[in-house]
Amino acid sequence: MKIILTEIEIDRIIEMAWEDRTTFEAIQMQFGLKEQEVIDLMRNEMKPSSFRMWRERVQGRKTKHEKLRDFEKGRFKCNRQRNISNNKISKR
């Protein structure tokens, strides 16, 4: 089954694929694309030199795969960082 994506969805997938801490599993959960399908999409949507740079960057990177991560869930958060809820900074 082929998934049809809008331009906005393709842009978001590319953005997520470039982010170090966004896993391939998160992309699959949100858009239904497996890792190989994300790689194929990146290959088709990017210039060859940009694709090669991206592949070198993510290949073997622990943060791109949930099973390889050193931390359990979430991400690092500084204890001085304010909590954000409903797009408004919460009061301490």
C-alpha atoms as a PDB file:
ATOM      1  CA  MET A   1       0.000   0.000   0.000  1.00  0.00           C
ATOM      2  CA  LYS A   2       1.449   3.344  -1.063  1.00  0.00           C
ATOM      3  CA  ILE A   3       0.985   6.278   1.305  1.00  0.00           C
ATOM      4  CA  ILE A   4       0.118   9.579  -0.388  1.00  0.00           C
ATOM      5  CA  LEU A   5       1.609  12.572   1.387  1.00  0.00           C
ATOM      6  CA  THR A   6       0.954  16.285   1.009  1.00  0.00           C
ATOM      7  CA  GLU A   7       3.800  18.760   0.478  1.00  0.00           C
ATOM      8  CA  ILE A   8       3.391  19.945   4.079  1.00  0.00           C
ATOM      9  CA  GLU A   9       3.696  16.365   5.370  1.00  0.00           C
ATOM     10  CA  ILE A  10       6.781  15.739   3.215  1.00  0.00           C
ATOM     11  CA  ASP A  11       8.381  18.942   4.538  1.00  0.00           C
ATOM     12  CA  ARG A  12       7.643  17.878   8.126  1.00  0.00           C
ATOM     13  CA  ILE A  13       9.064  14.385   7.582  1.00  0.00           C
ATOM     14  CA  ILE A  14      12.259  15.880   6.142  1.00  0.00           C
ATOM     15  CA  GLU A  15      12.493  18.249   9.100  1.00  0.00           C
ATOM     16  CA  MET A  16      11.980  15.386  11.562  1.00  0.00           C
ATOM     17  CA  ALA A  17      14.525  13.214   9.753  1.00  0.00           C
ATOM     18  CA  TRP A  18      17.169  15.954  10.115  1.00  0.00           C
ATOM     19  CA  GLU A  19      16.474  16.372  13.852  1.00  0.00           C
ATOM     20  CA  ASP A  20      18.955  14.385  15.927  1.00  0.00           C
ATOM     21  CA  ARG A  21      16.560  13.333  18.664  1.00  0.00           C
ATOM     22  CA  THR A  22      13.528  12.476  16.526  1.00  0.00           C
ATOM     23  CA  THR A  23      13.517   8.720  16.044  1.00  0.00           C
ATOM     24  CA  PHE A  24      12.498   6.827  12.938  1.00  0.00           C
ATOM     25  CA  GLU A  25       9.903   5.153  15.153  1.00  0.00           C
ATOM     26  CA  ALA A  26       8.344   8.563  15.898  1.00  0.00           C
ATOM     27  CA  ILE A  27       8.129   9.299  12.166  1.00  0.00           C
ATOM     28  CA  GLN A  28       6.537   5.889  11.583  1.00  0.00           C
ATOM     29  CA  MET A  29       4.004   6.426  14.357  1.00  0.00           C
ATOM     30  CA  GLN A  30       3.011   9.856  13.024  1.00  0.00           C
ATOM     31  CA  PHE A  31       3.152   9.270   9.250  1.00  0.00           C
ATOM     32  CA  GLY A  32       3.203   5.484   8.791  1.00  0.00           C
ATOM     33  CA  LEU A  33       6.592   5.428   7.022  1.00  0.00           C
ATOM     34  CA  LYS A  34       9.201   2.840   7.987  1.00  0.00           C
ATOM     35  CA  GLU A  35      12.889   3.763   8.178  1.00  0.00           C
ATOM     36  CA  GLN A  36      13.614   2.555   4.631  1.00  0.00           C
ATOM     37  CA  GLU A  37      10.659   4.542   3.290  1.00  0.00           C
ATOM     38  CA  VAL A  38      11.977   7.672   5.027  1.00  0.00           C
ATOM     39  CA  ILE A  39      15.393   7.056   3.458  1.00  0.00           C
ATOM     40  CA  ASP A  40      13.775   6.645   0.027  1.00  0.00           C
ATOM     41  CA  LEU A  41      11.743   9.843   0.520  1.00  0.00           C
ATOM     42  CA  MET A  42      14.882  11.759   1.524  1.00  0.00           C
ATOM     43  CA  ARG A  43      16.726  10.384  -1.511  1.00  0.00           C
ATOM     44  CA  ASN A  44      13.923  11.517  -3.857  1.00  0.00           C
ATOM     45  CA  GLU A  45      13.309  14.936  -2.285  1.00  0.00           C
ATOM     46  CA  MET A  46      16.867  16.135  -1.668  1.00  0.00           C
ATOM     47  CA  LYS A  47      19.846  17.003  -3.817  1.00  0.00           C
ATOM     48  CA  PRO A  48      22.293  14.074  -4.017  1.00  0.00           C
ATOM     49  CA  SER A  49      24.958  15.922  -2.000  1.00  0.00           C
ATOM     50  CA  SER A  50      22.449  16.843   0.723  1.00  0.00           C
ATOM     51  CA  PHE A  51      21.188  13.262   0.872  1.00  0.00           C
ATOM     52  CA  ARG A  52      24.740  11.911   1.268  1.00  0.00           C
ATOM     53  CA  MET A  53      25.413  14.422   4.054  1.00  0.00           C
ATOM     54  CA  TRP A  54      22.186  13.405   5.832  1.00  0.00           C
ATOM     55  CA  ARG A  55      22.939   9.673   5.491  1.00  0.00           C
ATOM     56  CA  GLU A  56      26.414  10.122   6.949  1.00  0.00           C
ATOM     57  CA  ARG A  57      24.900  12.105   9.802  1.00  0.00           C
ATOM     58  CA  VAL A  58      22.170   9.610  10.794  1.00  0.00           C
ATOM     59  CA  GLN A  59      23.860   6.311   9.961  1.00  0.00           C
ATOM     60  CA  GLY A  60      24.551   4.545  13.222  1.00  0.00           C
ATOM     61  CA  ARG A  61      23.362   7.501  15.327  1.00  0.00           C
ATOM     62  CA  LYS A  62      21.946   6.126  18.569  1.00  0.00           C
ATOM     63  CA  THR A  63      19.364   8.887  18.968  1.00  0.00           C
ATOM     64  CA  LYS A  64      17.612   7.997  15.685  1.00  0.00           C
ATOM     65  CA  HIS A  65      16.607   4.542  16.983  1.00  0.00           C
ATOM     66  CA  GLU A  66      14.591   4.070  20.175  1.00  0.00           C
ATOM     67  CA  LYS A  67      16.216   0.724  20.992  1.00  0.00           C
ATOM     68  CA  LEU A  68      19.742   2.192  20.854  1.00  0.00           C
ATOM     69  CA  ARG A  69      19.086   5.214  23.080  1.00  0.00           C
ATOM     70  CA  ASP A  70      20.932   5.488  26.380  1.00  0.00           C
ATOM     71  CA  PHE A  71      18.009   7.272  28.066  1.00  0.00           C
ATOM     72  CA  GLU A  72      14.552   5.769  28.478  1.00  0.00           C
ATOM     73  CA  LYS A  73      11.957   8.287  27.306  1.00  0.00           C
ATOM     74  CA  GLY A  74      11.712  11.977  26.631  1.00  0.00           C
ATOM     75  CA  ARG A  75      14.690  14.230  26.321  1.00  0.00           C
ATOM     76  CA  PHE A  76      17.138  16.153  28.418  1.00  0.00           C
ATOM     77  CA  LYS A  77      15.657  19.200  30.079  1.00  0.00           C
ATOM     78  CA  CYS A  78      17.577  21.754  32.087  1.00  0.00           C
ATOM     79  CA  ASN A  79      16.172  22.256  35.587  1.00  0.00           C
ATOM     80  CA  ARG A  80      16.116  26.016  34.925  1.00  0.00           C
ATOM     81  CA  GLN A  81      13.948  25.612  31.823  1.00  0.00           C
ATOM     82  CA  ARG A  82      10.360  26.725  32.301  1.00  0.00           C
ATOM     83  CA  ASN A  83       7.476  24.355  31.752  1.00  0.00           C
ATOM     84  CA  ILE A  84       5.400  25.002  28.649  1.00  0.00           C
ATOM     85  CA  SER A  85       1.720  24.123  28.542  1.00  0.00           C
ATOM     86  CA  ASN A  86      -0.813  25.119  25.896  1.00  0.00           C
ATOM     87  CA  ASN A  87       1.875  27.178  24.124  1.00  0.00           C
ATOM     88  CA  LYS A  88       2.116  29.583  27.064  1.00  0.00           C
ATOM     89  CA  ILE A  89       4.951  29.717  29.542  1.00  0.00           C
ATOM     90  CA  SER A  90       3.666  28.493  32.885  1.00  0.00           C
ATOM     91  CA  LYS A  91       4.363  30.445  36.040  1.00  0.00           C
ATOM     92  CA  ARG A  92       6.632  28.823  38.578  1.00  0.00           C
END
